[in-house]
Amino acid sequence: MLALLVLNLLDAAFTNAFLATGLMTEANPLMRAAWETSPGVFLAVKLALVDLGTLALWMGRRRLLPAMALLVCLSAYSAVIVYHLLLVGTEVLSRAGTLP
């Protein structure tokens, strides 16, 4: 559970930075509305929703479906963080002039 919460926090930080710099746009309509309200609201909503969902799954972790859902979420957030890191790397290399 802790790993999922840390990955969510990292995702929120990366997404917040990318939105603030215009590097990306928010595809989720709920989160886009939160961002348009303010970055603080965006972070609060994102962290609260995922943390509450994670807690609900954690409470049922002894059953197969919640346990599998936690693993799926962990895998998905891991992939999202890899995507964020690739985006950062691409942007850094692009600004350094080493990418076309």
C-alpha atoms as a PDB file:
ATOM      1  CA  MET A   1       0.000   0.000   0.000  1.00  0.00           C
ATOM      2  CA  LEU A   2       2.794   2.417   0.863  1.00  0.00           C
ATOM      3  CA  ALA A   3       4.402   1.924  -2.546  1.00  0.00           C
ATOM      4  CA  LEU A   4       1.121   2.795  -4.263  1.00  0.00           C
ATOM      5  CA  LEU A   5       0.725   5.946  -2.186  1.00  0.00           C
ATOM      6  CA  VAL A   6       4.299   7.029  -2.959  1.00  0.00           C
ATOM      7  CA  LEU A   7       3.778   6.387  -6.677  1.00  0.00           C
ATOM      8  CA  ASN A   8       0.565   8.426  -6.559  1.00  0.00           C
ATOM      9  CA  LEU A   9       2.433  11.279  -4.887  1.00  0.00           C
ATOM     10  CA  LEU A  10       5.148  11.130  -7.554  1.00  0.00           C
ATOM     11  CA  ASP A  11       2.528  11.059 -10.302  1.00  0.00           C
ATOM     12  CA  ALA A  12       0.787  14.075  -8.773  1.00  0.00           C
ATOM     13  CA  ALA A  13       4.060  15.998  -8.559  1.00  0.00           C
ATOM     14  CA  PHE A  14       5.113  15.154 -12.135  1.00  0.00           C
ATOM     15  CA  THR A  15       1.650  15.893 -13.528  1.00  0.00           C
ATOM     16  CA  ASN A  16       1.459  19.172 -11.631  1.00  0.00           C
ATOM     17  CA  ALA A  17       4.853  20.228 -13.000  1.00  0.00           C
ATOM     18  CA  PHE A  18       3.997  19.174 -16.565  1.00  0.00           C
ATOM     19  CA  LEU A  19       0.657  21.002 -16.457  1.00  0.00           C
ATOM     20  CA  ALA A  20       2.268  24.126 -15.015  1.00  0.00           C
ATOM     21  CA  THR A  21       4.878  24.223 -17.780  1.00  0.00           C
ATOM     22  CA  GLY A  22       2.407  23.377 -20.540  1.00  0.00           C
ATOM     23  CA  LEU A  23       4.296  20.199 -21.377  1.00  0.00           C
ATOM     24  CA  MET A  24       1.054  18.228 -21.191  1.00  0.00           C
ATOM     25  CA  THR A  25      -2.677  18.667 -20.767  1.00  0.00           C
ATOM     26  CA  GLU A  26      -4.907  16.789 -18.342  1.00  0.00           C
ATOM     27  CA  ALA A  27      -7.067  14.235 -20.159  1.00  0.00           C
ATOM     28  CA  ASN A  28      -9.305  13.348 -17.197  1.00  0.00           C
ATOM     29  CA  PRO A  29     -12.222  15.846 -17.180  1.00  0.00           C
ATOM     30  CA  LEU A  30     -12.592  15.755 -13.375  1.00  0.00           C
ATOM     31  CA  MET A  31      -8.902  16.390 -12.814  1.00  0.00           C
ATOM     32  CA  ARG A  32      -8.824  19.019 -15.574  1.00  0.00           C
ATOM     33  CA  ALA A  33     -11.611  20.904 -13.757  1.00  0.00           C
ATOM     34  CA  ALA A  34      -9.672  20.607 -10.494  1.00  0.00           C
ATOM     35  CA  TRP A  35      -6.514  21.935 -12.215  1.00  0.00           C
ATOM     36  CA  GLU A  36      -8.425  24.841 -13.730  1.00  0.00           C
ATOM     37  CA  THR A  37      -9.656  25.710 -10.230  1.00  0.00           C
ATOM     38  CA  SER A  38      -6.100  25.718  -8.858  1.00  0.00           C
ATOM     39  CA  PRO A  39      -3.017  23.502  -8.692  1.00  0.00           C
ATOM     40  CA  GLY A  40      -3.641  23.061  -4.956  1.00  0.00           C
ATOM     41  CA  VAL A  41      -7.158  21.779  -5.572  1.00  0.00           C
ATOM     42  CA  PHE A  42      -5.777  19.466  -8.260  1.00  0.00           C
ATOM     43  CA  LEU A  43      -3.231  17.980  -5.854  1.00  0.00           C
ATOM     44  CA  ALA A  44      -5.754  17.653  -3.009  1.00  0.00           C
ATOM     45  CA  VAL A  45      -8.359  15.938  -5.200  1.00  0.00           C
ATOM     46  CA  LYS A  46      -5.850  13.600  -6.845  1.00  0.00           C
ATOM     47  CA  LEU A  47      -4.234  12.548  -3.603  1.00  0.00           C
ATOM     48  CA  ALA A  48      -7.542  12.184  -1.761  1.00  0.00           C
ATOM     49  CA  LEU A  49      -9.281  10.105  -4.435  1.00  0.00           C
ATOM     50  CA  VAL A  50      -6.426   7.693  -5.003  1.00  0.00           C
ATOM     51  CA  ASP A  51      -5.582   7.431  -1.304  1.00  0.00           C
ATOM     52  CA  LEU A  52      -9.218   6.681  -0.407  1.00  0.00           C
ATOM     53  CA  GLY A  53      -9.459   4.099  -3.184  1.00  0.00           C
ATOM     54  CA  THR A  54      -6.209   2.514  -2.062  1.00  0.00           C
ATOM     55  CA  LEU A  55      -7.439   2.389   1.531  1.00  0.00           C
ATOM     56  CA  ALA A  56     -10.683   0.718   0.448  1.00  0.00           C
ATOM     57  CA  LEU A  57      -8.768  -1.913  -1.503  1.00  0.00           C
ATOM     58  CA  TRP A  58      -6.282  -2.383   1.324  1.00  0.00           C
ATOM     59  CA  MET A  59      -9.099  -3.060   3.769  1.00  0.00           C
ATOM     60  CA  GLY A  60     -10.283  -5.888   1.520  1.00  0.00           C
ATOM     61  CA  ARG A  61      -6.827  -7.170   0.614  1.00  0.00           C
ATOM     62  CA  ARG A  62      -7.497 -10.647   2.031  1.00  0.00           C
ATOM     63  CA  ARG A  63     -10.018 -11.227  -0.752  1.00  0.00           C
ATOM     64  CA  LEU A  64      -8.865 -12.028  -4.243  1.00  0.00           C
ATOM     65  CA  LEU A  65     -10.438  -9.150  -6.183  1.00  0.00           C
ATOM     66  CA  PRO A  66      -9.157  -6.280  -3.997  1.00  0.00           C
ATOM     67  CA  ALA A  67      -5.725  -7.915  -3.767  1.00  0.00           C
ATOM     68  CA  MET A  68      -5.557  -8.242  -7.552  1.00  0.00           C
ATOM     69  CA  ALA A  69      -6.809  -4.661  -7.976  1.00  0.00           C
ATOM     70  CA  LEU A  70      -3.994  -3.412  -5.741  1.00  0.00           C
ATOM     71  CA  LEU A  71      -1.463  -5.239  -7.921  1.00  0.00           C
ATOM     72  CA  VAL A  72      -3.020  -3.830 -11.092  1.00  0.00           C
ATOM     73  CA  CYS A  73      -2.949  -0.307  -9.626  1.00  0.00           C
ATOM     74  CA  LEU A  74       0.663  -0.751  -8.547  1.00  0.00           C
ATOM     75  CA  SER A  75       1.604  -1.921 -12.038  1.00  0.00           C
ATOM     76  CA  ALA A  76      -0.302   0.925 -13.690  1.00  0.00           C
ATOM     77  CA  TYR A  77       1.239   3.594 -11.481  1.00  0.00           C
ATOM     78  CA  SER A  78       4.691   2.105 -12.058  1.00  0.00           C
ATOM     79  CA  ALA A  79       4.125   2.404 -15.805  1.00  0.00           C
ATOM     80  CA  VAL A  80       2.901   5.994 -15.387  1.00  0.00           C
ATOM     81  CA  ILE A  81       6.055   6.918 -13.468  1.00  0.00           C
ATOM     82  CA  VAL A  82       8.219   5.342 -16.175  1.00  0.00           C
ATOM     83  CA  TYR A  83       6.279   7.428 -18.724  1.00  0.00           C
ATOM     84  CA  HIS A  84       6.875  10.581 -16.678  1.00  0.00           C
ATOM     85  CA  LEU A  85      10.598   9.836 -16.427  1.00  0.00           C
ATOM     86  CA  LEU A  86      10.802   9.232 -20.175  1.00  0.00           C
ATOM     87  CA  LEU A  87       9.002  12.517 -20.781  1.00  0.00           C
ATOM     88  CA  VAL A  88      11.432  14.345 -18.503  1.00  0.00           C
ATOM     89  CA  GLY A  89      14.402  12.689 -20.195  1.00  0.00           C
ATOM     90  CA  THR A  90      13.091  13.515 -23.649  1.00  0.00           C
ATOM     91  CA  GLU A  91      12.479  17.128 -22.653  1.00  0.00           C
ATOM     92  CA  VAL A  92      15.933  17.493 -21.118  1.00  0.00           C
ATOM     93  CA  LEU A  93      17.641  15.993 -24.160  1.00  0.00           C
ATOM     94  CA  SER A  94      15.533  18.115 -26.479  1.00  0.00           C
ATOM     95  CA  ARG A  95      16.464  21.306 -24.644  1.00  0.00           C
ATOM     96  CA  ALA A  96      20.117  20.265 -24.639  1.00  0.00           C
ATOM     97  CA  GLY A  97      19.911  20.093 -28.415  1.00  0.00           C
ATOM     98  CA  THR A  98      20.735  16.406 -28.672  1.00  0.00           C
ATOM     99  CA  LEU A  99      17.333  15.437 -30.068  1.00  0.00           C
ATOM    100  CA  PRO A 100      15.957  16.679 -33.359  1.00  0.00           C
END
